[in-house]
């Protein structure tokens, strides 16, 4: 399969993820399609807008996210949460076994973090991919561990174990199934030299969001003024993060033939961050 060519024909979704109790306020999704050699971002919205009763509670929102993924077998989703652990913390399991056993191993997000801290020692361990893409935090850092826990338990695991989606590169992309890719917006912005303080309520942060957006658009992105304004006005920066996730997903698809089947085994256990 020509993975790059096949990927370009898929709808593109960038997901800024959250494991917070009111995840509906924090999870944003940017949707797009490829248009020639450009990415056309068609919409950007908080996930509660697609929850049947507009609930912002985590369980309802993660269920809606799974449904969104399963609604389009010809899509690729760039997801802003870690898909795996540092190899040292996987207890010798292969990736699929780790994902399958995840809820039995860790009964809660706090139990997950405590076990990671115990096994990892005083220093928070990072995966090889975290180091390479300059990810800001370890996957069980205080600011990230709930994203990791609920992302793996409630989104990744059910889709993968039920064989309804492919998690790349641990699994080979298949036609007829949605593709899931791990994305880190911060790493993408660092690669573009755009990692500046853009989250906040002041005019200064808003101007930075507008600047970041304008620079990324120069890389071949089509976006309406309405969607642009929505992203700029979102003070927490979650809308912008979902846009960056969609951008990273699209540009990673173009390099897919150089990645699938060619990565060292460590990435097939620890996961791989596309940026």
C-alpha atoms as a PDB file:
ATOM      1  CA  UNK A   1       0.000   0.000   0.000  1.00  0.00           C
ATOM      2  CA  UNK A   2       1.127   3.540  -0.740  1.00  0.00           C
ATOM      3  CA  UNK A   3       0.421   4.798   2.781  1.00  0.00           C
ATOM      4  CA  UNK A   4       1.082   8.446   1.965  1.00  0.00           C
ATOM      5  CA  UNK A   5      -1.229   8.499  -1.048  1.00  0.00           C
ATOM      6  CA  UNK A   6      -3.944   6.589   0.808  1.00  0.00           C
ATOM      7  CA  UNK A   7      -3.626   8.858   3.823  1.00  0.00           C
ATOM      8  CA  UNK A   8      -4.010  12.010   1.729  1.00  0.00           C
ATOM      9  CA  UNK A   9      -7.439  10.778   0.621  1.00  0.00           C
ATOM     10  CA  UNK A  10      -8.637  10.461   4.204  1.00  0.00           C
ATOM     11  CA  UNK A  11     -10.452  13.056   6.276  1.00  0.00           C
ATOM     12  CA  UNK A  12      -8.141  14.645   8.816  1.00  0.00           C
ATOM     13  CA  UNK A  13      -9.059  15.147  12.475  1.00  0.00           C
ATOM     14  CA  UNK A  14      -6.884  16.864  15.058  1.00  0.00           C
ATOM     15  CA  UNK A  15      -7.932  16.178  18.650  1.00  0.00           C
ATOM     16  CA  UNK A  16      -6.741  18.232  21.602  1.00  0.00           C
ATOM     17  CA  UNK A  17      -7.455  15.731  24.369  1.00  0.00           C
ATOM     18  CA  UNK A  18      -8.256  16.040  28.075  1.00  0.00           C
ATOM     19  CA  UNK A  19      -8.822  13.625  30.926  1.00  0.00           C
ATOM     20  CA  UNK A  20     -10.460  16.237  33.156  1.00  0.00           C
ATOM     21  CA  UNK A  21     -13.861  15.572  34.746  1.00  0.00           C
ATOM     22  CA  UNK A  22     -15.343  18.342  32.583  1.00  0.00           C
ATOM     23  CA  UNK A  23     -13.470  17.176  29.489  1.00  0.00           C
ATOM     24  CA  UNK A  24     -16.158  18.566  27.196  1.00  0.00           C
ATOM     25  CA  UNK A  25     -14.848  22.052  27.794  1.00  0.00           C
ATOM     26  CA  UNK A  26     -11.223  21.108  27.083  1.00  0.00           C
ATOM     27  CA  UNK A  27     -11.392  18.601  24.221  1.00  0.00           C
ATOM     28  CA  UNK A  28     -11.442  20.382  20.874  1.00  0.00           C
ATOM     29  CA  UNK A  29     -11.553  18.872  17.402  1.00  0.00           C
ATOM     30  CA  UNK A  30     -10.425  20.354  14.103  1.00  0.00           C
ATOM     31  CA  UNK A  31     -11.733  18.650  10.951  1.00  0.00           C
ATOM     32  CA  UNK A  32     -10.239  18.916   7.502  1.00  0.00           C
ATOM     33  CA  UNK A  33      -9.766  17.351   4.095  1.00  0.00           C
ATOM     34  CA  UNK A  34      -6.896  17.366   1.655  1.00  0.00           C
ATOM     35  CA  UNK A  35      -7.467  19.686  -1.267  1.00  0.00           C
ATOM     36  CA  UNK A  36      -4.771  19.145  -3.861  1.00  0.00           C
ATOM     37  CA  UNK A  37      -1.540  19.672  -1.970  1.00  0.00           C
ATOM     38  CA  UNK A  38      -3.222  21.695   0.755  1.00  0.00           C
ATOM     39  CA  UNK A  39      -5.114  20.949   3.952  1.00  0.00           C
ATOM     40  CA  UNK A  40      -8.555  22.524   4.111  1.00  0.00           C
ATOM     41  CA  UNK A  41      -9.704  22.969   7.741  1.00  0.00           C
ATOM     42  CA  UNK A  42     -13.489  22.982   7.593  1.00  0.00           C
ATOM     43  CA  UNK A  43     -14.502  23.232  11.244  1.00  0.00           C
ATOM     44  CA  UNK A  44     -13.222  23.500  14.808  1.00  0.00           C
ATOM     45  CA  UNK A  45     -15.375  22.853  17.882  1.00  0.00           C
ATOM     46  CA  UNK A  46     -15.398  21.677  21.522  1.00  0.00           C
ATOM     47  CA  UNK A  47     -16.506  18.072  21.817  1.00  0.00           C
ATOM     48  CA  UNK A  48     -19.575  18.785  23.950  1.00  0.00           C
ATOM     49  CA  UNK A  49     -21.184  20.193  20.809  1.00  0.00           C
ATOM     50  CA  UNK A  50     -21.477  16.644  19.431  1.00  0.00           C
ATOM     51  CA  UNK A  51     -22.630  15.050  22.706  1.00  0.00           C
ATOM     52  CA  UNK A  52     -26.353  14.267  22.498  1.00  0.00           C
ATOM     53  CA  UNK A  53     -27.297  16.204  25.648  1.00  0.00           C
ATOM     54  CA  UNK A  54     -24.389  18.705  25.394  1.00  0.00           C
ATOM     55  CA  UNK A  55     -22.870  17.197  28.533  1.00  0.00           C
ATOM     56  CA  UNK A  56     -19.345  18.295  29.395  1.00  0.00           C
ATOM     57  CA  UNK A  57     -18.717  15.278  31.635  1.00  0.00           C
ATOM     58  CA  UNK A  58     -15.765  13.047  30.754  1.00  0.00           C
ATOM     59  CA  UNK A  59     -17.580   9.737  30.215  1.00  0.00           C
ATOM     60  CA  UNK A  60     -20.146  11.245  27.853  1.00  0.00           C
ATOM     61  CA  UNK A  61     -17.496  13.144  25.923  1.00  0.00           C
ATOM     62  CA  UNK A  62     -15.124  10.195  25.517  1.00  0.00           C
ATOM     63  CA  UNK A  63     -18.030   8.072  24.335  1.00  0.00           C
ATOM     64  CA  UNK A  64     -18.841  10.782  21.773  1.00  0.00           C
ATOM     65  CA  UNK A  65     -15.199  10.837  20.693  1.00  0.00           C
ATOM     66  CA  UNK A  66     -15.209   7.079  20.112  1.00  0.00           C
ATOM     67  CA  UNK A  67     -18.408   7.414  18.099  1.00  0.00           C
ATOM     68  CA  UNK A  68     -16.855  10.199  16.061  1.00  0.00           C
ATOM     69  CA  UNK A  69     -13.855   8.019  15.255  1.00  0.00           C
ATOM     70  CA  UNK A  70     -16.049   5.076  14.281  1.00  0.00           C
ATOM     71  CA  UNK A  71     -18.301   7.243  12.143  1.00  0.00           C
ATOM     72  CA  UNK A  72     -15.696   7.519   9.393  1.00  0.00           C
ATOM     73  CA  UNK A  73     -13.611   4.511   8.338  1.00  0.00           C
ATOM     74  CA  UNK A  74     -11.817   6.736   5.860  1.00  0.00           C
ATOM     75  CA  UNK A  75     -10.362   9.149   8.409  1.00  0.00           C
ATOM     76  CA  UNK A  76      -7.154   9.621  10.359  1.00  0.00           C
ATOM     77  CA  UNK A  77      -7.210  11.061  13.869  1.00  0.00           C
ATOM     78  CA  UNK A  78      -4.231  12.819  15.414  1.00  0.00           C
ATOM     79  CA  UNK A  79      -4.730  12.375  19.165  1.00  0.00           C
ATOM     80  CA  UNK A  80      -2.993  14.487  21.797  1.00  0.00           C
ATOM     81  CA  UNK A  81      -2.295  11.799  24.398  1.00  0.00           C
ATOM     82  CA  UNK A  82       0.448   9.155  24.808  1.00  0.00           C
ATOM     83  CA  UNK A  83      -0.300   5.730  23.330  1.00  0.00           C
ATOM     84  CA  UNK A  84       2.185   3.822  25.503  1.00  0.00           C
ATOM     85  CA  UNK A  85       4.763   3.909  28.323  1.00  0.00           C
ATOM     86  CA  UNK A  86       8.541   3.984  28.616  1.00  0.00           C
ATOM     87  CA  UNK A  87       9.789   0.465  27.924  1.00  0.00           C
ATOM     88  CA  UNK A  88      11.116   0.076  31.472  1.00  0.00           C
ATOM     89  CA  UNK A  89       7.593   0.535  32.858  1.00  0.00           C
ATOM     90  CA  UNK A  90       5.813  -1.982  30.602  1.00  0.00           C
ATOM     91  CA  UNK A  91       6.728  -5.041  32.686  1.00  0.00           C
ATOM     92  CA  UNK A  92       8.039  -6.876  29.620  1.00  0.00           C
ATOM     93  CA  UNK A  93       4.724  -6.781  27.765  1.00  0.00           C
ATOM     94  CA  UNK A  94       4.338  -6.159  24.068  1.00  0.00           C
ATOM     95  CA  UNK A  95       2.260  -3.109  23.139  1.00  0.00           C
ATOM     96  CA  UNK A  96      -1.002  -4.913  22.388  1.00  0.00           C
ATOM     97  CA  UNK A  97      -0.896  -6.865  25.648  1.00  0.00           C
ATOM     98  CA  UNK A  98      -0.145  -3.671  27.547  1.00  0.00           C
ATOM     99  CA  UNK A  99      -3.172  -1.923  26.037  1.00  0.00           C
ATOM    100  CA  UNK A 100      -5.430  -4.951  26.505  1.00  0.00           C
ATOM    101  CA  UNK A 101      -4.497  -5.366  30.174  1.00  0.00           C
ATOM    102  CA  UNK A 102      -4.489  -1.657  30.992  1.00  0.00           C
ATOM    103  CA  UNK A 103      -7.711  -1.416  33.091  1.00  0.00           C
ATOM    104  CA  UNK A 104      -6.758  -4.528  35.086  1.00  0.00           C
ATOM    105  CA  UNK A 105      -3.292  -3.159  35.825  1.00  0.00           C
ATOM    106  CA  UNK A 106      -4.414   0.332  36.856  1.00  0.00           C
ATOM    107  CA  UNK A 107      -7.772   0.741  38.570  1.00  0.00           C
ATOM    108  CA  UNK A 108      -7.681   4.539  38.552  1.00  0.00           C
ATOM    109  CA  UNK A 109      -5.680   7.444  37.166  1.00  0.00           C
ATOM    110  CA  UNK A 110      -4.107   8.110  40.559  1.00  0.00           C
ATOM    111  CA  UNK A 111      -3.180   4.436  40.986  1.00  0.00           C
ATOM    112  CA  UNK A 112      -1.590   4.554  37.538  1.00  0.00           C
ATOM    113  CA  UNK A 113       0.551   7.558  38.425  1.00  0.00           C
ATOM    114  CA  UNK A 114       1.609   6.112  41.775  1.00  0.00           C
ATOM    115  CA  UNK A 115       2.717   2.862  40.155  1.00  0.00           C
ATOM    116  CA  UNK A 116       4.645   4.740  37.474  1.00  0.00           C
ATOM    117  CA  UNK A 117       6.400   6.800  40.151  1.00  0.00           C
ATOM    118  CA  UNK A 118       7.255   3.686  42.154  1.00  0.00           C
ATOM    119  CA  UNK A 119       8.631   1.805  39.147  1.00  0.00           C
ATOM    120  CA  UNK A 120      10.390   4.806  37.623  1.00  0.00           C
ATOM    121  CA  UNK A 121      12.159   6.045  40.741  1.00  0.00           C
ATOM    122  CA  UNK A 122      12.951   9.643  41.570  1.00  0.00           C
ATOM    123  CA  UNK A 123      13.238  10.830  37.966  1.00  0.00           C
ATOM    124  CA  UNK A 124      10.152  10.836  35.737  1.00  0.00           C
ATOM    125  CA  UNK A 125      11.079   8.611  32.816  1.00  0.00           C
ATOM    126  CA  UNK A 126      10.424   9.577  29.219  1.00  0.00           C
ATOM    127  CA  UNK A 127      10.029   7.434  26.133  1.00  0.00           C
ATOM    128  CA  UNK A 128      12.564   7.685  23.350  1.00  0.00           C
ATOM    129  CA  UNK A 129      10.019   9.506  21.196  1.00  0.00           C
ATOM    130  CA  UNK A 130       9.352  12.016  24.006  1.00  0.00           C
ATOM    131  CA  UNK A 131      13.026  12.909  24.089  1.00  0.00           C
ATOM    132  CA  UNK A 132      13.321  13.139  20.322  1.00  0.00           C
ATOM    133  CA  UNK A 133      10.316  15.410  19.791  1.00  0.00           C
ATOM    134  CA  UNK A 134      11.120  17.476  22.905  1.00  0.00           C
ATOM    135  CA  UNK A 135       7.826  16.680  24.619  1.00  0.00           C
ATOM    136  CA  UNK A 136       7.371  18.998  27.608  1.00  0.00           C
ATOM    137  CA  UNK A 137       6.487  16.272  30.125  1.00  0.00           C
ATOM    138  CA  UNK A 138       6.784  12.602  30.997  1.00  0.00           C
ATOM    139  CA  UNK A 139       3.631  10.614  30.213  1.00  0.00           C
ATOM    140  CA  UNK A 140       2.848  10.359  33.949  1.00  0.00           C
ATOM    141  CA  UNK A 141       3.738  13.903  34.921  1.00  0.00           C
ATOM    142  CA  UNK A 142       1.156  15.672  37.111  1.00  0.00           C
ATOM    143  CA  UNK A 143      -0.040  17.705  34.108  1.00  0.00           C
ATOM    144  CA  UNK A 144      -0.338  14.737  31.736  1.00  0.00           C
ATOM    145  CA  UNK A 145      -1.151  11.525  33.605  1.00  0.00           C
ATOM    146  CA  UNK A 146      -4.937  11.827  33.331  1.00  0.00           C
ATOM    147  CA  UNK A 147      -4.640  12.393  29.588  1.00  0.00           C
ATOM    148  CA  UNK A 148      -2.546   9.244  29.351  1.00  0.00           C
ATOM    149  CA  UNK A 149      -4.802   7.168  31.569  1.00  0.00           C
ATOM    150  CA  UNK A 150      -8.197   8.044  30.127  1.00  0.00           C
ATOM    151  CA  UNK A 151      -6.896   8.275  26.580  1.00  0.00           C
ATOM    152  CA  UNK A 152      -5.534   4.728  26.674  1.00  0.00           C
ATOM    153  CA  UNK A 153      -8.322   3.211  28.789  1.00  0.00           C
ATOM    154  CA  UNK A 154     -11.405   4.823  27.273  1.00  0.00           C
ATOM    155  CA  UNK A 155     -10.435   5.688  23.697  1.00  0.00           C
ATOM    156  CA  UNK A 156      -7.466   3.698  22.440  1.00  0.00           C
ATOM    157  CA  UNK A 157      -8.097   0.349  24.141  1.00  0.00           C
ATOM    158  CA  UNK A 158     -11.725  -0.266  23.117  1.00  0.00           C
ATOM    159  CA  UNK A 159     -11.075   0.737  19.520  1.00  0.00           C
ATOM    160  CA  UNK A 160      -7.945  -1.397  19.193  1.00  0.00           C
ATOM    161  CA  UNK A 161      -9.046  -4.518  21.076  1.00  0.00           C
ATOM    162  CA  UNK A 162     -12.328  -4.599  19.184  1.00  0.00           C
ATOM    163  CA  UNK A 163     -10.287  -4.310  15.960  1.00  0.00           C
ATOM    164  CA  UNK A 164     -12.220  -1.254  14.854  1.00  0.00           C
ATOM    165  CA  UNK A 165      -9.263   1.104  14.377  1.00  0.00           C
ATOM    166  CA  UNK A 166      -5.512   0.956  13.712  1.00  0.00           C
ATOM    167  CA  UNK A 167      -3.022   2.608  16.074  1.00  0.00           C
ATOM    168  CA  UNK A 168       0.007   3.623  13.997  1.00  0.00           C
ATOM    169  CA  UNK A 169       2.866   2.638  13.890  1.00  0.00           C
ATOM    170  CA  UNK A 170       2.287  -0.179  16.409  1.00  0.00           C
ATOM    171  CA  UNK A 171      -0.260  -1.549  13.962  1.00  0.00           C
ATOM    172  CA  UNK A 172      -0.096  -1.449  10.179  1.00  0.00           C
ATOM    173  CA  UNK A 173      -2.637   0.971   8.644  1.00  0.00           C
ATOM    174  CA  UNK A 174      -5.551  -0.848   7.046  1.00  0.00           C
ATOM    175  CA  UNK A 175      -8.094   0.366   4.549  1.00  0.00           C
ATOM    176  CA  UNK A 176     -11.648   0.274   5.866  1.00  0.00           C
ATOM    177  CA  UNK A 177     -10.629   1.325   9.381  1.00  0.00           C
ATOM    178  CA  UNK A 178      -9.899   4.721  10.925  1.00  0.00           C
ATOM    179  CA  UNK A 179      -6.233   5.387  11.680  1.00  0.00           C
ATOM    180  CA  UNK A 180      -5.084   6.731  15.042  1.00  0.00           C
ATOM    181  CA  UNK A 181      -1.827   8.634  15.465  1.00  0.00           C
ATOM    182  CA  UNK A 182      -0.244  10.151  18.566  1.00  0.00           C
ATOM    183  CA  UNK A 183       0.353  13.877  18.198  1.00  0.00           C
ATOM    184  CA  UNK A 184       1.996  16.452  20.460  1.00  0.00           C
ATOM    185  CA  UNK A 185       1.059  20.031  19.477  1.00  0.00           C
ATOM    186  CA  UNK A 186       3.848  21.464  21.638  1.00  0.00           C
ATOM    187  CA  UNK A 187       6.414  19.379  19.743  1.00  0.00           C
ATOM    188  CA  UNK A 188       4.969  20.477  16.405  1.00  0.00           C
ATOM    189  CA  UNK A 189       5.186  24.127  17.418  1.00  0.00           C
ATOM    190  CA  UNK A 190       8.767  23.643  18.627  1.00  0.00           C
ATOM    191  CA  UNK A 191       9.679  22.160  15.246  1.00  0.00           C
ATOM    192  CA  UNK A 192       8.308  25.304  13.595  1.00  0.00           C
ATOM    193  CA  UNK A 193       9.995  27.629  16.107  1.00  0.00           C
ATOM    194  CA  UNK A 194       6.526  28.769  17.216  1.00  0.00           C
ATOM    195  CA  UNK A 195       6.462  27.494  20.789  1.00  0.00           C
ATOM    196  CA  UNK A 196       5.540  30.765  22.452  1.00  0.00           C
ATOM    197  CA  UNK A 197       3.166  31.548  25.321  1.00  0.00           C
ATOM    198  CA  UNK A 198      -0.210  31.591  23.563  1.00  0.00           C
ATOM    199  CA  UNK A 199      -2.587  30.405  26.303  1.00  0.00           C
ATOM    200  CA  UNK A 200      -4.262  33.170  28.252  1.00  0.00           C
ATOM    201  CA  UNK A 201      -6.923  35.854  28.374  1.00  0.00           C
ATOM    202  CA  UNK A 202      -4.948  38.958  27.560  1.00  0.00           C
ATOM    203  CA  UNK A 203      -4.570  40.671  24.207  1.00  0.00           C
ATOM    204  CA  UNK A 204      -0.916  39.648  24.234  1.00  0.00           C
ATOM    205  CA  UNK A 205      -1.760  35.921  24.173  1.00  0.00           C
ATOM    206  CA  UNK A 206      -4.496  36.457  21.610  1.00  0.00           C
ATOM    207  CA  UNK A 207      -2.002  38.160  19.319  1.00  0.00           C
ATOM    208  CA  UNK A 208       0.343  35.205  19.746  1.00  0.00           C
ATOM    209  CA  UNK A 209      -2.425  32.757  18.777  1.00  0.00           C
ATOM    210  CA  UNK A 210      -3.101  34.857  15.696  1.00  0.00           C
ATOM    211  CA  UNK A 211       0.599  34.906  14.831  1.00  0.00           C
ATOM    212  CA  UNK A 212       1.013  31.129  15.220  1.00  0.00           C
ATOM    213  CA  UNK A 213      -2.059  30.505  13.115  1.00  0.00           C
ATOM    214  CA  UNK A 214      -0.900  32.853  10.370  1.00  0.00           C
ATOM    215  CA  UNK A 215       2.538  31.221  10.186  1.00  0.00           C
ATOM    216  CA  UNK A 216       1.120  27.679   9.977  1.00  0.00           C
ATOM    217  CA  UNK A 217      -1.395  28.712   7.336  1.00  0.00           C
ATOM    218  CA  UNK A 218       1.544  29.713   5.158  1.00  0.00           C
ATOM    219  CA  UNK A 219       2.459  26.017   4.971  1.00  0.00           C
ATOM    220  CA  UNK A 220      -0.487  25.215   2.719  1.00  0.00           C
ATOM    221  CA  UNK A 221      -3.610  25.393   4.860  1.00  0.00           C
ATOM    222  CA  UNK A 222      -6.972  26.720   3.732  1.00  0.00           C
ATOM    223  CA  UNK A 223      -9.238  28.009   6.490  1.00  0.00           C
ATOM    224  CA  UNK A 224     -12.233  30.341   6.585  1.00  0.00           C
ATOM    225  CA  UNK A 225     -12.186  33.616   8.481  1.00  0.00           C
ATOM    226  CA  UNK A 226     -14.933  32.312  10.796  1.00  0.00           C
ATOM    227  CA  UNK A 227     -12.953  29.258  11.869  1.00  0.00           C
ATOM    228  CA  UNK A 228      -9.806  31.354  12.149  1.00  0.00           C
ATOM    229  CA  UNK A 229     -11.573  33.790  14.479  1.00  0.00           C
ATOM    230  CA  UNK A 230     -12.942  30.940  16.608  1.00  0.00           C
ATOM    231  CA  UNK A 231      -9.443  29.543  17.122  1.00  0.00           C
ATOM    232  CA  UNK A 232      -7.916  32.908  17.952  1.00  0.00           C
ATOM    233  CA  UNK A 233     -10.646  33.806  20.466  1.00  0.00           C
ATOM    234  CA  UNK A 234     -10.392  30.521  22.414  1.00  0.00           C
ATOM    235  CA  UNK A 235      -8.451  31.785  25.429  1.00  0.00           C
ATOM    236  CA  UNK A 236      -7.260  28.398  26.722  1.00  0.00           C
ATOM    237  CA  UNK A 237      -5.576  27.626  23.397  1.00  0.00           C
ATOM    238  CA  UNK A 238      -7.343  24.264  23.046  1.00  0.00           C
ATOM    239  CA  UNK A 239      -8.846  25.201  19.695  1.00  0.00           C
ATOM    240  CA  UNK A 240      -5.408  26.172  18.404  1.00  0.00           C
ATOM    241  CA  UNK A 241      -3.946  22.926  19.752  1.00  0.00           C
ATOM    242  CA  UNK A 242      -6.531  20.908  17.810  1.00  0.00           C
ATOM    243  CA  UNK A 243      -5.657  22.891  14.676  1.00  0.00           C
ATOM    244  CA  UNK A 244      -1.964  22.152  15.239  1.00  0.00           C
ATOM    245  CA  UNK A 245      -2.814  18.469  15.755  1.00  0.00           C
ATOM    246  CA  UNK A 246      -4.644  18.396  12.416  1.00  0.00           C
ATOM    247  CA  UNK A 247      -1.717  20.107  10.717  1.00  0.00           C
ATOM    248  CA  UNK A 248       0.769  17.655  12.260  1.00  0.00           C
ATOM    249  CA  UNK A 249      -1.412  14.721  11.240  1.00  0.00           C
ATOM    250  CA  UNK A 250      -1.606  15.868   7.642  1.00  0.00           C
ATOM    251  CA  UNK A 251       2.096  16.564   7.206  1.00  0.00           C
ATOM    252  CA  UNK A 252       2.953  13.243   8.896  1.00  0.00           C
ATOM    253  CA  UNK A 253       0.757  11.379   6.420  1.00  0.00           C
ATOM    254  CA  UNK A 254       2.895  12.744   3.613  1.00  0.00           C
ATOM    255  CA  UNK A 255       5.924  10.994   5.182  1.00  0.00           C
ATOM    256  CA  UNK A 256       4.092   7.770   6.054  1.00  0.00           C
ATOM    257  CA  UNK A 257       5.935   5.597   3.531  1.00  0.00           C
ATOM    258  CA  UNK A 258       9.213   6.426   5.274  1.00  0.00           C
ATOM    259  CA  UNK A 259       7.806   5.402   8.668  1.00  0.00           C
ATOM    260  CA  UNK A 260       5.599   2.326   8.380  1.00  0.00           C
ATOM    261  CA  UNK A 261       7.627  -0.869   8.612  1.00  0.00           C
ATOM    262  CA  UNK A 262      10.900   1.034   8.921  1.00  0.00           C
ATOM    263  CA  UNK A 263      11.032   2.053  12.579  1.00  0.00           C
ATOM    264  CA  UNK A 264      13.158   0.276  15.212  1.00  0.00           C
ATOM    265  CA  UNK A 265      11.196  -2.050  17.508  1.00  0.00           C
ATOM    266  CA  UNK A 266      11.415   0.332  20.459  1.00  0.00           C
ATOM    267  CA  UNK A 267       8.785   2.568  18.830  1.00  0.00           C
ATOM    268  CA  UNK A 268       6.461  -0.401  18.355  1.00  0.00           C
ATOM    269  CA  UNK A 269       6.446  -0.848  22.136  1.00  0.00           C
ATOM    270  CA  UNK A 270       6.791   2.678  23.483  1.00  0.00           C
ATOM    271  CA  UNK A 271       4.799   4.399  20.766  1.00  0.00           C
ATOM    272  CA  UNK A 272       5.793   7.111  18.309  1.00  0.00           C
ATOM    273  CA  UNK A 273       4.856  10.783  18.321  1.00  0.00           C
ATOM    274  CA  UNK A 274       4.045  12.224  14.905  1.00  0.00           C
ATOM    275  CA  UNK A 275       4.849  15.920  14.677  1.00  0.00           C
END
